[in-house]
């Protein structure tokens, strides 16, 4: 009976032990990340769809060609980021990425996000849990047309440093890209992606 109680107590105390650990980073510490993985078109909202002559719901979910699907497929992405710690727990910097997916018609849809990125690392050292928020510009293109718009991304990750400098991580995020128009509001739409990525990190 004592062993299960000890195990439960250990699980309850583990988060506090992790958060109470001495911070690894100092102000001015730097981290560089190279990221690659796949992305899922989770949601597409097009309130002017019927006004443009298309049938179907304004809000659709998940990859696929069904009436209630986004009509986009799984895609891929890659990104590089560089950040500097402003205190032992917060880092700010920038991220440049590229992602693509395919529309059911066979055409390619691409997004180039250029984001300012802020990261909070409450658990750090050999094993880390980074929580990030990115926002900025997004250059989107599809079927020969392109547009500069805005985007934002919320990301949670887990990474393990094999050495003091080099680490590997796994991340999941929500990336929201609104397509905004000032003169033709019926064309406005919003796509939400869910990227899942692997990251190689270097810190010093």
Protein backbone atom coordinates (compact mmCIF):
# COMPACT_ATOMS: atom_id res chain seq x y z
CA UNK A 1 0.00 0.00 0.00
CA UNK A 2 2.91 2.33 0.77
CA UNK A 3 4.47 2.00 -2.68
CA UNK A 4 1.39 3.32 -4.58
CA UNK A 5 1.13 6.20 -2.09
CA UNK A 6 4.80 7.07 -2.59
CA UNK A 7 4.35 6.97 -6.35
CA UNK A 8 1.30 9.27 -6.20
CA UNK A 9 3.16 11.69 -3.92
CA UNK A 10 6.12 11.70 -6.30
CA UNK A 11 3.84 12.54 -9.23
CA UNK A 12 2.25 15.37 -7.25
CA UNK A 13 5.62 16.78 -6.18
CA UNK A 14 7.37 16.40 -9.55
CA UNK A 15 5.97 19.59 -11.16
CA UNK A 16 6.99 21.64 -8.14
CA UNK A 17 10.46 20.08 -8.15
CA UNK A 18 10.88 20.91 -11.83
CA UNK A 19 9.69 24.48 -11.47
CA UNK A 20 11.84 25.00 -8.39
CA UNK A 21 15.02 23.99 -10.24
CA UNK A 22 17.74 26.58 -10.63
CA UNK A 23 17.44 28.51 -13.91
CA UNK A 24 19.91 27.48 -16.59
CA UNK A 25 19.87 30.69 -18.63
CA UNK A 26 21.15 34.19 -17.94
CA UNK A 27 20.26 37.48 -19.58
CA UNK A 28 22.01 37.43 -22.93
CA UNK A 29 21.95 33.64 -23.38
CA UNK A 30 21.13 32.70 -26.97
CA UNK A 31 19.35 29.80 -28.65
CA UNK A 32 19.12 28.85 -32.33
CA UNK A 33 16.53 26.35 -33.64
CA UNK A 34 16.07 24.48 -36.92
CA UNK A 35 12.59 22.97 -37.24
CA UNK A 36 10.90 20.61 -39.72
CA UNK A 37 7.71 18.58 -39.71
CA UNK A 38 4.20 18.27 -41.09
CA UNK A 39 1.15 20.50 -40.85
CA UNK A 40 -2.57 19.75 -40.72
CA UNK A 41 -5.23 22.18 -42.03
CA UNK A 42 -7.53 22.01 -39.02
CA UNK A 43 -10.09 24.72 -39.77
CA UNK A 44 -11.12 27.00 -42.63
CA UNK A 45 -13.58 29.86 -42.14
CA UNK A 46 -14.91 31.62 -45.25
CA UNK A 47 -17.94 33.77 -44.36
CA UNK A 48 -18.30 35.02 -47.95
CA UNK A 49 -18.22 31.59 -49.54
CA UNK A 50 -21.81 31.58 -50.76
CA UNK A 51 -21.53 35.18 -52.01
CA UNK A 52 -18.63 34.04 -54.21
CA UNK A 53 -20.79 31.37 -55.83
CA UNK A 54 -19.54 28.37 -53.83
CA UNK A 55 -21.86 25.98 -52.04
CA UNK A 56 -21.25 24.53 -48.61
CA UNK A 57 -20.77 25.60 -44.99
CA UNK A 58 -18.77 28.68 -44.09
CA UNK A 59 -16.85 26.80 -41.38
CA UNK A 60 -15.09 23.53 -42.26
CA UNK A 61 -12.70 21.23 -40.39
CA UNK A 62 -9.86 18.76 -41.01
CA UNK A 63 -8.20 17.63 -44.26
CA UNK A 64 -10.36 16.07 -46.93
CA UNK A 65 -12.64 16.72 -49.87
CA UNK A 66 -15.98 16.32 -48.10
CA UNK A 67 -18.49 19.13 -47.80
CA UNK A 68 -17.48 19.76 -44.19
CA UNK A 69 -13.73 19.46 -44.81
CA UNK A 70 -11.18 22.18 -45.58
CA UNK A 71 -10.39 20.82 -49.08
CA UNK A 72 -6.71 20.99 -48.14
CA UNK A 73 -4.36 18.04 -47.54
CA UNK A 74 -1.56 17.42 -45.06
CA UNK A 75 1.55 19.44 -45.84
CA UNK A 76 5.10 20.09 -44.72
CA UNK A 77 7.03 22.94 -43.18
CA UNK A 78 10.43 24.11 -42.04
CA UNK A 79 11.66 27.09 -40.01
CA UNK A 80 14.68 28.68 -38.41
CA UNK A 81 14.58 30.87 -35.32
CA UNK A 82 17.00 32.84 -33.18
CA UNK A 83 16.25 34.16 -29.69
CA UNK A 84 18.02 35.98 -26.87
CA UNK A 85 17.04 35.62 -23.20
CA UNK A 86 16.10 38.91 -21.57
CA UNK A 87 15.99 37.21 -18.16
CA UNK A 88 16.45 33.58 -17.01
CA UNK A 89 12.98 32.54 -18.20
CA UNK A 90 11.98 34.73 -21.17
CA UNK A 91 13.54 34.87 -24.64
CA UNK A 92 12.60 37.04 -27.61
CA UNK A 93 13.71 36.89 -31.22
CA UNK A 94 12.50 36.09 -34.71
CA UNK A 95 11.44 33.15 -36.85
CA UNK A 96 11.40 32.63 -40.61
CA UNK A 97 9.46 29.67 -41.98
CA UNK A 98 8.01 28.05 -45.09
CA UNK A 99 5.08 25.68 -45.28
CA UNK A 100 3.02 24.11 -48.04
CA UNK A 101 -0.03 21.96 -48.53
CA UNK A 102 -2.11 20.84 -51.47
CA UNK A 103 -5.65 21.82 -52.38
CA UNK A 104 -7.90 19.06 -53.72
CA UNK A 105 -7.64 20.57 -57.20
CA UNK A 106 -3.94 19.67 -57.14
CA UNK A 107 -2.70 23.22 -56.69
CA UNK A 108 -0.11 24.10 -54.05
CA UNK A 109 -0.82 26.58 -51.27
CA UNK A 110 2.22 28.11 -49.52
CA UNK A 111 2.80 30.31 -46.48
CA UNK A 112 6.00 32.15 -45.54
CA UNK A 113 5.62 33.40 -41.93
CA UNK A 114 8.02 36.09 -40.72
CA UNK A 115 7.32 36.30 -37.00
CA UNK A 116 8.53 37.97 -33.86
CA UNK A 117 8.68 35.15 -31.32
CA UNK A 118 8.56 35.24 -27.51
CA UNK A 119 9.26 32.11 -25.45
CA UNK A 120 8.75 31.32 -21.78
CA UNK A 121 10.77 28.38 -20.42
CA UNK A 122 9.43 27.48 -16.95
CA UNK A 123 11.18 24.08 -16.92
CA UNK A 124 14.79 24.29 -18.09
CA UNK A 125 18.16 22.64 -17.97
CA UNK A 126 18.73 19.23 -19.52
CA UNK A 127 14.97 18.78 -20.10
CA UNK A 128 12.91 21.83 -21.06
CA UNK A 129 9.32 22.84 -21.73
CA UNK A 130 9.24 25.97 -23.94
CA UNK A 131 5.95 27.85 -24.42
CA UNK A 132 6.01 30.26 -27.35
CA UNK A 133 3.89 32.94 -28.97
CA UNK A 134 4.74 34.26 -32.43
CA UNK A 135 3.11 36.98 -34.51
CA UNK A 136 3.93 39.01 -37.59
CA UNK A 137 3.68 38.96 -41.36
CA UNK A 138 2.73 36.02 -43.56
CA UNK A 139 3.26 35.87 -47.32
CA UNK A 140 0.69 33.50 -48.81
CA UNK A 141 0.40 32.26 -52.39
CA UNK A 142 -2.05 30.04 -54.27
CA UNK A 143 -2.91 29.46 -57.94
CA UNK A 144 -0.59 32.18 -59.26
CA UNK A 145 -1.78 34.88 -56.85
CA UNK A 146 -0.09 36.05 -53.66
CA UNK A 147 -0.79 38.32 -50.72
CA UNK A 148 0.99 39.75 -47.69
CA UNK A 149 -1.14 39.36 -44.59
CA UNK A 150 -0.75 38.69 -40.87
CA UNK A 151 -0.48 35.58 -38.76
CA UNK A 152 0.04 34.31 -35.23
CA UNK A 153 1.14 31.03 -33.66
CA UNK A 154 0.86 29.47 -30.21
CA UNK A 155 3.33 26.64 -29.57
CA UNK A 156 4.17 24.19 -26.78
CA UNK A 157 7.21 21.95 -26.88
CA UNK A 158 9.46 19.55 -25.02
CA UNK A 159 13.19 19.31 -25.68
CA UNK A 160 16.11 17.35 -24.28
CA UNK A 161 19.70 18.54 -24.47
CA UNK A 162 22.06 15.67 -25.25
CA UNK A 163 25.01 17.93 -24.47
CA UNK A 164 25.17 21.33 -22.81
CA UNK A 165 24.76 22.97 -26.23
CA UNK A 166 22.83 20.59 -28.51
CA UNK A 167 19.27 19.38 -28.02
CA UNK A 168 16.34 17.71 -29.78
CA UNK A 169 12.70 18.65 -29.33
CA UNK A 170 9.11 17.90 -30.29
CA UNK A 171 6.59 20.71 -30.76
CA UNK A 172 2.88 21.17 -31.46
CA UNK A 173 1.27 24.48 -32.32
CA UNK A 174 -1.73 26.31 -33.71
CA UNK A 175 -1.00 28.66 -36.61
CA UNK A 176 -3.73 31.11 -37.65
CA UNK A 177 -3.51 32.91 -41.02
CA UNK A 178 -6.32 35.37 -41.83
CA UNK A 179 -6.66 36.49 -45.45
CA UNK A 180 -7.76 40.12 -45.17
CA UNK A 181 -9.11 42.50 -47.82
CA UNK A 182 -10.13 46.12 -47.39
CA UNK A 183 -12.04 46.52 -50.66
CA UNK A 184 -13.43 43.03 -51.28
CA UNK A 185 -14.60 41.74 -47.92
CA UNK A 186 -16.43 38.71 -49.35
CA UNK A 187 -13.02 37.18 -50.10
CA UNK A 188 -11.93 37.34 -46.46
CA UNK A 189 -11.13 33.99 -44.89
CA UNK A 190 -9.14 32.42 -42.06
CA UNK A 191 -7.16 29.17 -42.07
CA UNK A 192 -5.95 27.47 -38.90
CA UNK A 193 -3.15 24.91 -39.17
CA UNK A 194 -1.76 22.51 -36.58
CA UNK A 195 1.96 21.93 -37.19
CA UNK A 196 3.81 19.08 -35.45
CA UNK A 197 7.57 19.45 -35.73
CA UNK A 198 10.96 18.18 -34.65
CA UNK A 199 13.58 20.73 -33.62
CA UNK A 200 17.35 20.75 -33.38
CA UNK A 201 18.47 23.40 -30.87
CA UNK A 202 21.84 24.99 -30.18
CA UNK A 203 22.31 27.23 -27.14
CA UNK A 204 25.15 29.21 -25.63
